[in-house]
Amino acid sequence: MGLKQELIYFSKACSSSGFVKATDGNLSVRTRKNLILSTATNTRKSRIKPGDIIKTDLKGKKISGNRKVSSELKLHLYIYSNRKDVNAVIHTHPLYASAFAAAGRAINRIILPEFYMQIGGIPLAKFAVPSTDEVPESIAPYIEKHNVILLQNHGLVAFGKTLEEAFLLTEKVEQYAQILLLAKILGGAKELTPSQLKKLDQLKTTDKKK
């Protein structure tokens, strides 16, 4: 599957999973020539077609494609410019994760070992006006140590080596946010203790040495 086909596949996956509605969100991927393929502005992800994919350079200059470049591509380009290990970015508005963003709350309560081992806490970037330079500036404090960031009163951005990795991060964060909210109905989630976290940290260290 080529990169353009992957963009189409995961765009539809974001729609079918409920991570985006209507024309919300944007997906992009870096090519081997350090160019960017991304979804055009106002693209309905459930009905995305090859013609809805555009190619730009790392400064956002359009190289090919008949559609308009999304103004939110600035966020993607900032991530690519600051993380050489990142080749895919997915920005979505998942229901439960976005609820945390709307409430101005980071997802930093550790209640599940697997989530802590794989992702850890999710920081909350301060509010930034969409489509402006404020958005990439808002994630600057977190971009080096995190691959998933909540955007206050906006949504979620996840990035990784591949589109699949970025999608799976989005999927896991959305499920985690849902579990946290459901646990609150049952009296509140029980956070892992410092001693439990210490044991998990030891496991992470052991896994890295293998």
N, C-alpha and C. Protein backbone atom coordinates (compact mmCIF):
# COMPACT_ATOMS: atom_id res chain seq x y z
N MET A 1 0.84 -1.19 0.00
CA MET A 1 0.00 0.00 0.00
C MET A 1 0.88 1.25 0.00
N GLY A 2 0.68 2.15 -0.97
CA GLY A 2 1.45 3.37 -1.04
C GLY A 2 1.00 4.37 0.01
N LEU A 3 1.77 5.44 0.18
CA LEU A 3 1.46 6.42 1.21
C LEU A 3 0.13 7.12 0.97
N LYS A 4 -0.19 7.40 -0.29
CA LYS A 4 -1.47 8.04 -0.57
C LYS A 4 -2.62 7.13 -0.21
N GLN A 5 -2.47 5.85 -0.51
CA GLN A 5 -3.51 4.87 -0.16
C GLN A 5 -3.63 4.73 1.36
N GLU A 6 -2.50 4.81 2.06
CA GLU A 6 -2.53 4.75 3.53
C GLU A 6 -3.27 5.94 4.10
N LEU A 7 -3.04 7.12 3.53
CA LEU A 7 -3.75 8.31 3.99
C LEU A 7 -5.25 8.15 3.84
N ILE A 8 -5.65 7.61 2.72
CA ILE A 8 -7.08 7.38 2.47
C ILE A 8 -7.63 6.35 3.45
N TYR A 9 -6.89 5.27 3.64
CA TYR A 9 -7.32 4.19 4.54
C TYR A 9 -7.51 4.70 5.96
N PHE A 10 -6.51 5.40 6.49
CA PHE A 10 -6.59 5.84 7.88
C PHE A 10 -7.51 7.05 8.06
N SER A 11 -7.71 7.82 7.01
CA SER A 11 -8.71 8.89 7.07
C SER A 11 -10.10 8.28 7.27
N LYS A 12 -10.39 7.25 6.50
CA LYS A 12 -11.68 6.57 6.64
C LYS A 12 -11.77 5.85 7.98
N ALA A 13 -10.65 5.32 8.47
CA ALA A 13 -10.65 4.65 9.77
C ALA A 13 -10.95 5.65 10.89
N CYS A 14 -10.40 6.87 10.77
CA CYS A 14 -10.70 7.91 11.76
C CYS A 14 -12.18 8.26 11.76
N SER A 15 -12.77 8.29 10.57
CA SER A 15 -14.19 8.60 10.47
C SER A 15 -15.04 7.47 11.05
N SER A 16 -14.75 6.24 10.65
CA SER A 16 -15.56 5.11 11.12
C SER A 16 -15.40 4.87 12.61
N SER A 17 -14.27 5.29 13.18
CA SER A 17 -14.04 5.14 14.62
C SER A 17 -14.65 6.29 15.42
N GLY A 18 -15.16 7.29 14.73
CA GLY A 18 -15.77 8.42 15.40
C GLY A 18 -14.78 9.47 15.88
N PHE A 19 -13.55 9.40 15.39
CA PHE A 19 -12.54 10.37 15.82
C PHE A 19 -12.73 11.73 15.14
N VAL A 20 -13.40 11.73 13.98
CA VAL A 20 -13.70 12.97 13.27
C VAL A 20 -15.14 12.92 12.77
N LYS A 21 -15.74 14.08 12.63
CA LYS A 21 -17.07 14.21 12.06
C LYS A 21 -17.01 15.23 10.93
N ALA A 22 -17.90 15.07 9.97
CA ALA A 22 -17.97 16.00 8.85
C ALA A 22 -16.57 16.20 8.24
N THR A 23 -16.08 17.43 8.21
CA THR A 23 -14.77 17.71 7.60
C THR A 23 -13.68 17.98 8.64
N ASP A 24 -13.94 17.58 9.89
CA ASP A 24 -12.97 17.81 10.96
C ASP A 24 -11.66 17.06 10.72
N GLY A 25 -10.60 17.55 11.35
CA GLY A 25 -9.33 16.82 11.42
C GLY A 25 -8.49 16.87 10.15
N ASN A 26 -7.24 16.45 10.32
CA ASN A 26 -6.29 16.40 9.21
C ASN A 26 -5.30 15.28 9.43
N LEU A 27 -4.87 14.64 8.36
CA LEU A 27 -3.86 13.59 8.44
C LEU A 27 -2.75 13.92 7.46
N SER A 28 -1.53 13.54 7.80
CA SER A 28 -0.41 13.76 6.89
C SER A 28 0.65 12.70 7.08
N VAL A 29 1.52 12.59 6.09
CA VAL A 29 2.61 11.61 6.15
C VAL A 29 3.81 12.18 5.41
N ARG A 30 5.00 11.88 5.89
CA ARG A 30 6.24 12.35 5.28
C ARG A 30 6.75 11.31 4.29
N THR A 31 7.16 11.74 3.11
CA THR A 31 7.68 10.82 2.11
C THR A 31 9.19 10.65 2.29
N ARG A 32 9.76 9.71 1.56
CA ARG A 32 11.20 9.47 1.64
C ARG A 32 12.00 10.66 1.14
N LYS A 33 11.39 11.50 0.31
CA LYS A 33 12.06 12.69 -0.20
C LYS A 33 11.83 13.90 0.70
N ASN A 34 11.30 13.66 1.90
CA ASN A 34 11.06 14.71 2.89
C ASN A 34 10.01 15.71 2.43
N LEU A 35 9.04 15.22 1.68
CA LEU A 35 7.88 16.00 1.28
C LEU A 35 6.68 15.51 2.08
N ILE A 36 5.60 16.28 2.09
CA ILE A 36 4.45 15.96 2.92
C ILE A 36 3.21 15.73 2.07
N LEU A 37 2.58 14.59 2.27
CA LEU A 37 1.27 14.32 1.70
C LEU A 37 0.26 14.55 2.80
N SER A 38 -0.82 15.29 2.50
CA SER A 38 -1.81 15.58 3.53
C SER A 38 -3.21 15.69 2.96
N THR A 39 -4.18 15.60 3.84
CA THR A 39 -5.57 15.78 3.43
C THR A 39 -5.83 17.27 3.21
N ALA A 40 -6.54 17.58 2.16
CA ALA A 40 -6.82 18.98 1.83
C ALA A 40 -7.83 19.57 2.80
N THR A 41 -7.97 20.87 2.77
CA THR A 41 -8.93 21.54 3.63
C THR A 41 -10.36 21.11 3.29
N ASN A 42 -11.22 21.07 4.30
CA ASN A 42 -12.63 20.74 4.12
C ASN A 42 -12.86 19.40 3.43
N THR A 43 -12.07 18.41 3.82
CA THR A 43 -12.21 17.07 3.25
C THR A 43 -13.04 16.20 4.19
N ARG A 44 -14.09 15.62 3.67
CA ARG A 44 -14.89 14.70 4.46
C ARG A 44 -14.17 13.35 4.47
N LYS A 45 -13.67 12.97 5.63
CA LYS A 45 -12.78 11.79 5.71
C LYS A 45 -13.49 10.49 5.34
N SER A 46 -14.79 10.42 5.55
CA SER A 46 -15.52 9.20 5.23
C SER A 46 -15.63 8.98 3.73
N ARG A 47 -15.45 10.04 2.95
CA ARG A 47 -15.60 9.95 1.49
C ARG A 47 -14.36 10.43 0.77
N ILE A 48 -13.23 10.39 1.43
CA ILE A 48 -12.00 10.91 0.86
C ILE A 48 -11.60 10.16 -0.40
N LYS A 49 -11.08 10.90 -1.39
CA LYS A 49 -10.66 10.34 -2.67
C LYS A 49 -9.20 10.74 -2.92
N PRO A 50 -8.54 10.07 -3.88
CA PRO A 50 -7.15 10.44 -4.20
C PRO A 50 -6.99 11.92 -4.51
N GLY A 51 -8.00 12.53 -5.12
CA GLY A 51 -7.93 13.95 -5.46
C GLY A 51 -7.96 14.87 -4.25
N ASP A 52 -8.26 14.32 -3.09
CA ASP A 52 -8.30 15.11 -1.86
C ASP A 52 -6.96 15.14 -1.14
N ILE A 53 -5.95 14.51 -1.74
CA ILE A 53 -4.61 14.47 -1.17
C ILE A 53 -3.72 15.47 -1.90
N ILE A 54 -2.99 16.27 -1.15
CA ILE A 54 -2.08 17.24 -1.76
C ILE A 54 -0.65 17.00 -1.28
N LYS A 55 0.30 17.51 -2.04
CA LYS A 55 1.72 17.36 -1.69
C LYS A 55 2.32 18.75 -1.49
N THR A 56 3.07 18.91 -0.39
CA THR A 56 3.75 20.17 -0.12
C THR A 56 5.19 19.90 0.31
N ASP A 57 5.96 20.97 0.40
CA ASP A 57 7.28 20.83 1.01
C ASP A 57 7.14 21.08 2.51
N LEU A 58 8.25 21.07 3.24
CA LEU A 58 8.19 21.23 4.69
C LEU A 58 7.85 22.65 5.12
N LYS A 59 7.78 23.58 4.18
CA LYS A 59 7.37 24.94 4.50
C LYS A 59 5.91 25.19 4.15
N GLY A 60 5.26 24.16 3.62
CA GLY A 60 3.84 24.29 3.29
C GLY A 60 3.55 24.74 1.87
N LYS A 61 4.60 24.87 1.04
CA LYS A 61 4.38 25.27 -0.35
C LYS A 61 3.84 24.09 -1.14
N LYS A 62 2.71 24.31 -1.81
CA LYS A 62 2.07 23.22 -2.55
C LYS A 62 2.87 22.85 -3.79
N ILE A 63 3.08 21.55 -3.93
CA ILE A 63 3.82 21.02 -5.07
C ILE A 63 2.88 20.40 -6.09
N SER A 64 1.86 19.70 -5.59
CA SER A 64 0.88 19.10 -6.49
C SER A 64 -0.45 18.92 -5.76
N GLY A 65 -1.51 18.79 -6.56
CA GLY A 65 -2.85 18.62 -6.00
C GLY A 65 -3.74 19.78 -6.40
N ASN A 66 -5.02 19.49 -6.63
CA ASN A 66 -5.96 20.51 -7.09
C ASN A 66 -6.72 21.19 -5.96
N ARG A 67 -6.64 20.62 -4.74
CA ARG A 67 -7.36 21.17 -3.61
C ARG A 67 -6.51 22.18 -2.84
N LYS A 68 -7.15 22.91 -1.94
CA LYS A 68 -6.46 23.91 -1.14
C LYS A 68 -5.77 23.27 0.07
N VAL A 69 -4.58 23.77 0.40
CA VAL A 69 -3.85 23.28 1.56
C VAL A 69 -4.60 23.68 2.84
N SER A 70 -4.71 22.75 3.78
CA SER A 70 -5.38 23.05 5.03
C SER A 70 -4.56 24.05 5.85
N SER A 71 -5.24 25.01 6.44
CA SER A 71 -4.54 26.00 7.28
C SER A 71 -3.97 25.35 8.53
N GLU A 72 -4.49 24.17 8.91
CA GLU A 72 -3.99 23.49 10.09
C GLU A 72 -2.76 22.63 9.81
N LEU A 73 -2.29 22.66 8.57
CA LEU A 73 -1.07 21.93 8.23
C LEU A 73 0.13 22.50 8.99
N LYS A 74 0.03 23.74 9.45
CA LYS A 74 1.11 24.37 10.21
C LYS A 74 1.50 23.50 11.41
N LEU A 75 0.51 22.94 12.06
CA LEU A 75 0.76 22.08 13.22
C LEU A 75 1.59 20.87 12.82
N HIS A 76 1.21 20.23 11.72
CA HIS A 76 1.92 19.05 11.22
C HIS A 76 3.36 19.39 10.86
N LEU A 77 3.54 20.49 10.13
CA LEU A 77 4.87 20.88 9.67
C LEU A 77 5.79 21.20 10.84
N TYR A 78 5.24 21.78 11.89
CA TYR A 78 6.03 22.09 13.07
C TYR A 78 6.54 20.80 13.71
N ILE A 79 5.67 19.81 13.77
CA ILE A 79 6.06 18.52 14.35
C ILE A 79 7.15 17.86 13.51
N TYR A 80 6.97 17.83 12.20
CA TYR A 80 7.97 17.22 11.32
C TYR A 80 9.32 17.94 11.43
N SER A 81 9.29 19.25 11.55
CA SER A 81 10.52 20.03 11.61
C SER A 81 11.28 19.81 12.92
N ASN A 82 10.57 19.45 13.98
CA ASN A 82 11.19 19.30 15.29
C ASN A 82 11.39 17.86 15.73
N ARG A 83 10.80 16.93 14.98
CA ARG A 83 10.96 15.51 15.33
C ARG A 83 11.32 14.73 14.07
N LYS A 84 12.59 14.50 13.88
CA LYS A 84 13.06 13.80 12.69
C LYS A 84 12.60 12.34 12.66
N ASP A 85 12.22 11.81 13.82
CA ASP A 85 11.77 10.42 13.90
C ASP A 85 10.30 10.27 13.55
N VAL A 86 9.60 11.37 13.38
CA VAL A 86 8.16 11.34 13.09
C VAL A 86 7.91 11.41 11.58
N ASN A 87 7.09 10.48 11.09
CA ASN A 87 6.76 10.46 9.66
C ASN A 87 5.26 10.52 9.41
N ALA A 88 4.46 10.64 10.47
CA ALA A 88 3.01 10.70 10.30
C ALA A 88 2.37 11.47 11.45
N VAL A 89 1.37 12.28 11.11
CA VAL A 89 0.65 13.08 12.10
C VAL A 89 -0.84 12.95 11.86
N ILE A 90 -1.60 12.71 12.94
CA ILE A 90 -3.06 12.63 12.84
C ILE A 90 -3.66 13.58 13.88
N HIS A 91 -4.42 14.56 13.39
CA HIS A 91 -5.12 15.50 14.26
C HIS A 91 -6.62 15.21 14.18
N THR A 92 -7.23 14.91 15.32
CA THR A 92 -8.64 14.52 15.35
C THR A 92 -9.37 15.21 16.50
N HIS A 93 -10.68 14.97 16.56
CA HIS A 93 -11.53 15.50 17.62
C HIS A 93 -12.32 14.34 18.25
N PRO A 94 -11.65 13.37 18.86
CA PRO A 94 -12.36 12.23 19.46
C PRO A 94 -13.25 12.72 20.61
N LEU A 95 -14.42 12.11 20.75
CA LEU A 95 -15.42 12.58 21.70
C LEU A 95 -14.90 12.69 23.13
N TYR A 96 -14.38 11.59 23.66
CA TYR A 96 -13.99 11.57 25.08
C TYR A 96 -12.70 12.34 25.34
N ALA A 97 -11.71 12.17 24.47
CA ALA A 97 -10.47 12.93 24.64
C ALA A 97 -10.73 14.42 24.50
N SER A 98 -11.61 14.78 23.56
CA SER A 98 -11.93 16.19 23.36
C SER A 98 -12.70 16.76 24.55
N ALA A 99 -13.44 15.90 25.25
CA ALA A 99 -14.13 16.35 26.46
C ALA A 99 -13.12 16.79 27.51
N PHE A 100 -12.01 16.04 27.64
CA PHE A 100 -10.95 16.45 28.56
C PHE A 100 -10.34 17.78 28.10
N ALA A 101 -10.12 17.91 26.79
CA ALA A 101 -9.55 19.14 26.24
C ALA A 101 -10.48 20.32 26.49
N ALA A 102 -11.79 20.09 26.34
CA ALA A 102 -12.77 21.16 26.55
C ALA A 102 -12.85 21.56 28.02
N ALA A 103 -12.61 20.60 28.90
CA ALA A 103 -12.64 20.88 30.34
C ALA A 103 -11.32 21.45 30.84
N GLY A 104 -10.33 21.53 29.95
CA GLY A 104 -9.03 22.05 30.33
C GLY A 104 -8.27 21.13 31.25
N ARG A 105 -8.43 19.81 31.00
CA ARG A 105 -7.78 18.83 31.88
C ARG A 105 -6.88 17.90 31.08
N ALA A 106 -5.65 17.78 31.54
CA ALA A 106 -4.73 16.82 30.93
C ALA A 106 -5.17 15.41 31.32
N ILE A 107 -4.77 14.43 30.54
CA ILE A 107 -5.06 13.03 30.88
C ILE A 107 -3.81 12.48 31.54
N ASN A 108 -3.66 12.78 32.81
CA ASN A 108 -2.42 12.42 33.50
C ASN A 108 -2.62 11.55 34.72
N ARG A 109 -3.81 11.00 34.91
CA ARG A 109 -4.03 10.06 36.00
C ARG A 109 -3.66 8.66 35.51
N ILE A 110 -2.80 8.00 36.23
CA ILE A 110 -2.32 6.69 35.80
C ILE A 110 -3.14 5.61 36.48
N ILE A 111 -3.96 4.92 35.69
CA ILE A 111 -4.84 3.89 36.25
C ILE A 111 -4.66 2.52 35.59
N LEU A 112 -4.05 2.48 34.42
CA LEU A 112 -3.85 1.22 33.70
C LEU A 112 -2.37 1.00 33.41
N PRO A 113 -1.82 -0.15 33.83
CA PRO A 113 -0.39 -0.41 33.60
C PRO A 113 0.03 -0.33 32.14
N GLU A 114 -0.78 -0.91 31.24
CA GLU A 114 -0.41 -0.94 29.83
C GLU A 114 -0.30 0.47 29.25
N PHE A 115 -1.23 1.32 29.65
CA PHE A 115 -1.23 2.69 29.13
C PHE A 115 0.01 3.44 29.63
N TYR A 116 0.33 3.23 30.88
CA TYR A 116 1.50 3.89 31.46
C TYR A 116 2.78 3.41 30.77
N MET A 117 2.86 2.12 30.52
CA MET A 117 4.05 1.56 29.90
C MET A 117 4.24 2.06 28.47
N GLN A 118 3.14 2.18 27.75
CA GLN A 118 3.22 2.51 26.33
C GLN A 118 3.17 4.01 26.04
N ILE A 119 2.41 4.75 26.85
CA ILE A 119 2.19 6.16 26.53
C ILE A 119 2.52 7.09 27.69
N GLY A 120 2.09 6.75 28.89
CA GLY A 120 2.28 7.65 30.03
C GLY A 120 1.17 8.68 30.08
N GLY A 121 1.45 9.83 30.63
CA GLY A 121 0.44 10.88 30.70
C GLY A 121 0.33 11.66 29.41
N ILE A 122 -0.84 12.29 29.20
CA ILE A 122 -1.07 13.11 28.01
C ILE A 122 -1.14 14.56 28.45
N PRO A 123 -0.19 15.41 28.02
CA PRO A 123 -0.22 16.82 28.44
C PRO A 123 -1.30 17.62 27.72
N LEU A 124 -1.64 18.74 28.29
CA LEU A 124 -2.63 19.65 27.71
C LEU A 124 -1.94 20.92 27.26
N ALA A 125 -1.93 21.17 25.95
CA ALA A 125 -1.36 22.41 25.42
C ALA A 125 -2.37 23.53 25.63
N LYS A 126 -1.89 24.71 25.97
CA LYS A 126 -2.78 25.83 26.22
C LYS A 126 -3.58 26.18 24.98
N PHE A 127 -4.72 26.86 25.18
CA PHE A 127 -5.58 27.20 24.05
C PHE A 127 -4.85 28.05 23.02
N ALA A 128 -5.07 27.70 21.76
CA ALA A 128 -4.50 28.44 20.64
C ALA A 128 -5.56 28.59 19.57
N VAL A 129 -5.61 29.72 18.92
CA VAL A 129 -6.59 29.95 17.86
C VAL A 129 -6.28 29.02 16.69
N PRO A 130 -7.23 28.17 16.29
CA PRO A 130 -7.00 27.23 15.18
C PRO A 130 -6.52 27.93 13.92
N SER A 131 -5.65 27.26 13.20
CA SER A 131 -5.13 27.72 11.91
C SER A 131 -4.11 28.84 12.01
N THR A 132 -3.72 29.22 13.24
CA THR A 132 -2.72 30.27 13.41
C THR A 132 -1.42 29.68 13.92
N ASP A 133 -0.38 30.53 13.98
CA ASP A 133 0.91 30.09 14.49
C ASP A 133 0.87 29.79 15.98
N GLU A 134 -0.21 30.20 16.64
CA GLU A 134 -0.36 29.91 18.07
C GLU A 134 -0.43 28.40 18.32
N VAL A 135 -0.98 27.65 17.37
CA VAL A 135 -1.16 26.21 17.57
C VAL A 135 0.17 25.48 17.70
N PRO A 136 1.08 25.60 16.72
CA PRO A 136 2.38 24.93 16.91
C PRO A 136 3.14 25.46 18.12
N GLU A 137 3.01 26.75 18.41
CA GLU A 137 3.69 27.32 19.58
C GLU A 137 3.18 26.70 20.87
N SER A 138 1.90 26.34 20.89
CA SER A 138 1.30 25.81 22.11
C SER A 138 1.82 24.42 22.47
N ILE A 139 2.28 23.65 21.48
CA ILE A 139 2.76 22.30 21.77
C ILE A 139 4.27 22.24 21.98
N ALA A 140 4.93 23.39 21.80
CA ALA A 140 6.40 23.43 21.90
C ALA A 140 6.94 22.83 23.20
N PRO A 141 6.32 23.07 24.36
CA PRO A 141 6.88 22.52 25.60
C PRO A 141 6.82 21.00 25.71
N TYR A 142 6.01 20.37 24.86
CA TYR A 142 5.74 18.93 25.02
C TYR A 142 6.23 18.05 23.88
N ILE A 143 6.60 18.66 22.78
CA ILE A 143 6.83 17.90 21.56
C ILE A 143 8.00 16.92 21.65
N GLU A 144 9.01 17.22 22.45
CA GLU A 144 10.18 16.36 22.52
C GLU A 144 9.92 15.06 23.27
N LYS A 145 9.09 15.10 24.30
CA LYS A 145 8.91 13.94 25.17
C LYS A 145 7.58 13.22 24.99
N HIS A 146 6.70 13.74 24.13
CA HIS A 146 5.38 13.13 23.98
C HIS A 146 5.04 12.92 22.51
N ASN A 147 4.26 11.88 22.25
CA ASN A 147 3.77 11.62 20.89
C ASN A 147 2.27 11.81 20.79
N VAL A 148 1.65 12.21 21.89
CA VAL A 148 0.23 12.54 21.90
C VAL A 148 0.04 13.77 22.77
N ILE A 149 -0.69 14.76 22.26
CA ILE A 149 -0.91 16.00 23.00
C ILE A 149 -2.36 16.43 22.85
N LEU A 150 -2.98 16.80 23.97
CA LEU A 150 -4.32 17.38 23.94
C LEU A 150 -4.20 18.86 23.61
N LEU A 151 -5.09 19.36 22.77
CA LEU A 151 -5.13 20.77 22.43
C LEU A 151 -6.35 21.38 23.12
N GLN A 152 -6.13 22.28 24.07
CA GLN A 152 -7.22 22.79 24.89
C GLN A 152 -8.34 23.39 24.05
N ASN A 153 -9.58 23.00 24.38
CA ASN A 153 -10.79 23.46 23.68
C ASN A 153 -10.72 23.18 22.17
N HIS A 154 -10.01 22.13 21.80
CA HIS A 154 -9.83 21.85 20.38
C HIS A 154 -9.92 20.35 20.09
N GLY A 155 -8.90 19.60 20.46
CA GLY A 155 -8.91 18.18 20.13
C GLY A 155 -7.63 17.49 20.51
N LEU A 156 -7.17 16.60 19.64
CA LEU A 156 -6.01 15.75 19.94
C LEU A 156 -5.10 15.68 18.73
N VAL A 157 -3.79 15.63 18.99
CA VAL A 157 -2.84 15.37 17.91
C VAL A 157 -1.94 14.22 18.34
N ALA A 158 -1.77 13.25 17.44
CA ALA A 158 -0.92 12.09 17.71
C ALA A 158 0.04 11.93 16.54
N PHE A 159 1.27 11.52 16.84
CA PHE A 159 2.26 11.38 15.77
C PHE A 159 3.22 10.24 16.07
N GLY A 160 3.75 9.67 14.98
CA GLY A 160 4.64 8.53 15.14
C GLY A 160 5.42 8.25 13.87
N LYS A 161 6.04 7.08 13.82
CA LYS A 161 6.84 6.71 12.66
C LYS A 161 5.99 6.39 11.45
N THR A 162 4.76 5.92 11.70
CA THR A 162 3.85 5.55 10.62
C THR A 162 2.45 6.05 10.92
N LEU A 163 1.60 6.06 9.91
CA LEU A 163 0.21 6.43 10.11
C LEU A 163 -0.49 5.44 11.03
N GLU A 164 -0.13 4.17 10.90
CA GLU A 164 -0.74 3.17 11.77
C GLU A 164 -0.41 3.45 13.23
N GLU A 165 0.84 3.79 13.51
CA GLU A 165 1.25 4.09 14.88
C GLU A 165 0.48 5.29 15.42
N ALA A 166 0.37 6.34 14.63
CA ALA A 166 -0.35 7.53 15.06
C ALA A 166 -1.84 7.23 15.28
N PHE A 167 -2.40 6.39 14.43
CA PHE A 167 -3.80 6.01 14.58
C PHE A 167 -4.02 5.19 15.84
N LEU A 168 -3.14 4.23 16.11
CA LEU A 168 -3.28 3.39 17.29
C LEU A 168 -3.13 4.21 18.57
N LEU A 169 -2.27 5.21 18.56
CA LEU A 169 -2.15 6.10 19.71
C LEU A 169 -3.45 6.85 19.94
N THR A 170 -4.04 7.34 18.87
CA THR A 170 -5.33 8.03 18.96
C THR A 170 -6.39 7.11 19.54
N GLU A 171 -6.40 5.89 19.06
CA GLU A 171 -7.38 4.89 19.49
C GLU A 171 -7.22 4.58 20.99
N LYS A 172 -6.00 4.41 21.43
CA LYS A 172 -5.74 4.07 22.84
C LYS A 172 -6.07 5.23 23.77
N VAL A 173 -5.73 6.45 23.35
CA VAL A 173 -6.02 7.62 24.18
C VAL A 173 -7.53 7.82 24.31
N GLU A 174 -8.25 7.64 23.22
CA GLU A 174 -9.70 7.81 23.27
C GLU A 174 -10.34 6.78 24.20
N GLN A 175 -9.88 5.53 24.14
CA GLN A 175 -10.41 4.51 25.03
C GLN A 175 -10.07 4.83 26.49
N TYR A 176 -8.86 5.30 26.72
CA TYR A 176 -8.43 5.63 28.08
C TYR A 176 -9.27 6.76 28.66
N ALA A 177 -9.54 7.78 27.85
CA ALA A 177 -10.37 8.89 28.29
C ALA A 177 -11.78 8.41 28.63
N GLN A 178 -12.29 7.49 27.84
CA GLN A 178 -13.61 6.93 28.10
C GLN A 178 -13.63 6.15 29.41
N ILE A 179 -12.60 5.36 29.65
CA ILE A 179 -12.51 4.58 30.89
C ILE A 179 -12.46 5.51 32.11
N LEU A 180 -11.68 6.58 32.01
CA LEU A 180 -11.59 7.54 33.11
C LEU A 180 -12.94 8.14 33.44
N LEU A 181 -13.69 8.51 32.42
CA LEU A 181 -15.00 9.13 32.65
C LEU A 181 -16.01 8.12 33.19
N LEU A 182 -15.96 6.90 32.69
CA LEU A 182 -16.88 5.87 33.19
C LEU A 182 -16.54 5.48 34.62
N ALA A 183 -15.24 5.44 34.93
CA ALA A 183 -14.82 5.11 36.29
C ALA A 183 -15.30 6.16 37.28
N LYS A 184 -15.40 7.40 36.82
CA LYS A 184 -15.88 8.47 37.70
C LYS A 184 -17.33 8.23 38.11
N ILE A 185 -18.11 7.67 37.22
CA ILE A 185 -19.50 7.34 37.52
C ILE A 185 -19.58 6.29 38.62
N LEU A 186 -18.58 5.40 38.65
CA LEU A 186 -18.56 4.31 39.62
C LEU A 186 -17.85 4.70 40.92
N GLY A 187 -17.56 5.97 41.07
CA GLY A 187 -16.94 6.43 42.31
C GLY A 187 -15.53 6.94 42.15
N GLY A 188 -15.00 6.88 40.94
CA GLY A 188 -13.66 7.40 40.69
C GLY A 188 -12.63 6.30 40.47
N ALA A 189 -11.74 6.54 39.52
CA ALA A 189 -10.68 5.57 39.22
C ALA A 189 -9.65 5.54 40.35
N LYS A 190 -9.12 4.37 40.61
CA LYS A 190 -8.07 4.21 41.61
C LYS A 190 -6.71 4.29 40.92
N GLU A 191 -5.97 5.32 41.23
CA GLU A 191 -4.68 5.50 40.59
C GLU A 191 -3.65 4.49 41.10
N LEU A 192 -2.72 4.14 40.24
CA LEU A 192 -1.64 3.26 40.64
C LEU A 192 -0.76 3.98 41.67
N THR A 193 -0.27 3.23 42.64
CA THR A 193 0.53 3.81 43.72
C THR A 193 1.97 4.04 43.25
N PRO A 194 2.71 4.88 43.96
CA PRO A 194 4.12 5.11 43.62
C PRO A 194 4.93 3.82 43.57
N SER A 195 4.66 2.89 44.47
CA SER A 195 5.42 1.63 44.46
C SER A 195 5.07 0.80 43.24
N GLN A 196 3.80 0.82 42.83
CA GLN A 196 3.39 0.09 41.62
C GLN A 196 4.03 0.71 40.38
N LEU A 197 4.06 2.04 40.33
CA LEU A 197 4.68 2.72 39.20
C LEU A 197 6.18 2.43 39.14
N LYS A 198 6.81 2.33 40.31
CA LYS A 198 8.24 2.01 40.36
C LYS A 198 8.51 0.65 39.75
N LYS A 199 7.66 -0.32 40.03
CA LYS A 199 7.82 -1.66 39.46
C LYS A 199 7.65 -1.63 37.94
N LEU A 200 6.69 -0.83 37.48
CA LEU A 200 6.48 -0.71 36.04
C LEU A 200 7.67 -0.03 35.37
N ASP A 201 8.24 0.97 36.04
CA ASP A 201 9.44 1.63 35.51
C ASP A 201 10.59 0.64 35.37
N GLN A 202 10.70 -0.25 36.34
CA GLN A 202 11.75 -1.28 36.29
C GLN A 202 11.53 -2.22 35.11
N LEU A 203 10.26 -2.53 34.84
CA LEU A 203 9.93 -3.36 33.69
C LEU A 203 10.32 -2.67 32.39
N LYS A 204 10.04 -1.37 32.32
CA LYS A 204 10.37 -0.61 31.10
C LYS A 204 11.88 -0.62 30.88
N THR A 205 12.63 -0.46 31.96
CA THR A 205 14.08 -0.47 31.85
C THR A 205 14.59 -1.82 31.39
N THR A 206 13.99 -2.88 31.92
CA THR A 206 14.38 -4.25 31.53
C THR A 206 14.06 -4.52 30.07
N ASP A 207 12.89 -4.05 29.62
CA ASP A 207 12.48 -4.26 28.23
C ASP A 207 13.42 -3.55 27.26
N LYS A 208 13.92 -2.37 27.66
CA LYS A 208 14.81 -1.61 26.79
C LYS A 208 16.16 -2.31 26.61
N LYS A 209 16.55 -3.08 27.63
CA LYS A 209 17.84 -3.75 27.59
C LYS A 209 17.79 -5.04 26.77
N LYS A 210 16.59 -5.55 26.52
CA LYS A 210 16.47 -6.81 25.78
C LYS A 210 16.81 -6.62 24.31
